[in-house]
């Protein structure tokens, strides 16, 4: 059975590299982005051109409701989440509950 991964901050840099590597290894990837929509779309298109499908999902990881929506999306699409790469940069001084 294929693994499912959510990678936050996946539109650029290390997150993008992880998304590409995981997808090429046959892992179902949900690539999270917040502000870099064009980069996320470019990632999806780059992999699609290689015959590899991934999902992209916009969510601000500092907002609990958006995280919940991303998790629900993953569970509705794949019934599970096996891997979380929490790569997105989050600079805040507030408590998250």
Protein backbone atom coordinates (compact mmCIF):
# COMPACT_ATOMS: atom_id res chain seq x y z
CA UNK A 1 0.00 0.00 0.00
CA UNK A 2 1.31 3.43 -0.93
CA UNK A 3 2.34 5.88 1.75
CA UNK A 4 0.78 9.35 1.96
CA UNK A 5 2.77 12.44 2.92
CA UNK A 6 1.87 16.00 3.76
CA UNK A 7 4.79 18.36 3.23
CA UNK A 8 4.34 21.89 4.54
CA UNK A 9 6.19 24.68 2.80
CA UNK A 10 6.53 22.45 -0.25
CA UNK A 11 6.46 25.05 -2.99
CA UNK A 12 10.10 26.12 -2.60
CA UNK A 13 13.49 25.07 -1.28
CA UNK A 14 13.85 22.01 0.94
CA UNK A 15 10.10 21.35 0.98
CA UNK A 16 9.98 21.31 -2.82
CA UNK A 17 12.96 18.95 -2.98
CA UNK A 18 11.28 16.62 -0.47
CA UNK A 19 8.03 16.67 -2.46
CA UNK A 20 9.84 15.78 -5.68
CA UNK A 21 11.88 13.02 -4.03
CA UNK A 22 8.88 11.48 -2.26
CA UNK A 23 6.68 11.64 -5.36
CA UNK A 24 9.37 9.99 -7.48
CA UNK A 25 9.61 7.24 -4.84
CA UNK A 26 5.88 6.52 -5.30
CA UNK A 27 4.61 8.29 -2.18
CA UNK A 28 1.34 10.18 -2.58
CA UNK A 29 2.23 13.80 -1.83
CA UNK A 30 0.09 16.68 -0.64
CA UNK A 31 2.29 19.72 -1.12
CA UNK A 32 1.23 22.54 1.18
CA UNK A 33 1.84 26.18 0.34
CA UNK A 34 0.58 29.48 1.67
CA UNK A 35 1.82 32.48 -0.31
CA UNK A 36 3.74 30.84 -3.18
CA UNK A 37 0.84 29.67 -5.33
CA UNK A 38 2.73 30.03 -8.62
CA UNK A 39 5.63 27.96 -7.26
CA UNK A 40 3.21 25.29 -6.04
CA UNK A 41 1.49 25.13 -9.42
CA UNK A 42 4.90 24.95 -11.09
CA UNK A 43 5.85 22.00 -8.86
CA UNK A 44 2.64 20.18 -9.74
CA UNK A 45 3.14 20.84 -13.45
CA UNK A 46 6.82 19.80 -13.36
CA UNK A 47 5.89 16.43 -11.87
CA UNK A 48 2.84 16.02 -14.12
CA UNK A 49 5.15 16.39 -17.13
CA UNK A 50 7.07 13.40 -15.74
CA UNK A 51 3.87 11.36 -15.34
CA UNK A 52 3.69 11.90 -11.57
CA UNK A 53 0.58 13.31 -9.90
CA UNK A 54 0.65 15.24 -6.64
CA UNK A 55 -1.89 17.40 -4.86
CA UNK A 56 -1.24 20.98 -3.80
CA UNK A 57 -3.12 22.55 -0.91
CA UNK A 58 -3.13 26.17 0.27
CA UNK A 59 -3.13 26.48 4.04
CA UNK A 60 -1.60 28.88 6.52
CA UNK A 61 -0.05 26.62 9.16
CA UNK A 62 -0.49 29.31 11.81
CA UNK A 63 -4.27 28.93 11.52
CA UNK A 64 -5.77 25.89 13.20
CA UNK A 65 -8.87 25.81 10.97
CA UNK A 66 -6.74 25.76 7.81
CA UNK A 67 -4.60 22.93 9.18
CA UNK A 68 -7.78 21.01 9.97
CA UNK A 69 -9.03 21.54 6.40
CA UNK A 70 -5.75 20.25 4.99
CA UNK A 71 -5.89 17.14 7.18
CA UNK A 72 -9.51 16.52 6.22
CA UNK A 73 -8.57 16.89 2.55
CA UNK A 74 -5.82 14.29 2.93
CA UNK A 75 -8.05 11.85 4.81
CA UNK A 76 -10.93 12.26 2.34
CA UNK A 77 -8.58 11.76 -0.63
CA UNK A 78 -6.36 8.95 0.70
CA UNK A 79 -7.97 7.69 3.97
CA UNK A 80 -4.70 8.13 5.85
CA UNK A 81 -1.59 10.19 6.48
CA UNK A 82 1.65 8.27 6.99
CA UNK A 83 4.26 11.02 6.88
CA UNK A 84 4.39 14.67 7.90
CA UNK A 85 7.32 16.85 6.89
CA UNK A 86 6.71 20.04 8.83
CA UNK A 87 8.99 22.27 6.78
CA UNK A 88 7.04 25.55 6.61
CA UNK A 89 8.57 28.49 8.38
CA UNK A 90 6.41 29.83 11.17
CA UNK A 91 7.59 32.91 13.01
CA UNK A 92 5.14 33.83 15.73
CA UNK A 93 5.09 34.59 19.40
CA UNK A 94 1.59 33.34 20.08
CA UNK A 95 0.57 30.06 21.66
CA UNK A 96 -1.09 27.54 19.35
CA UNK A 97 -3.91 25.44 20.87
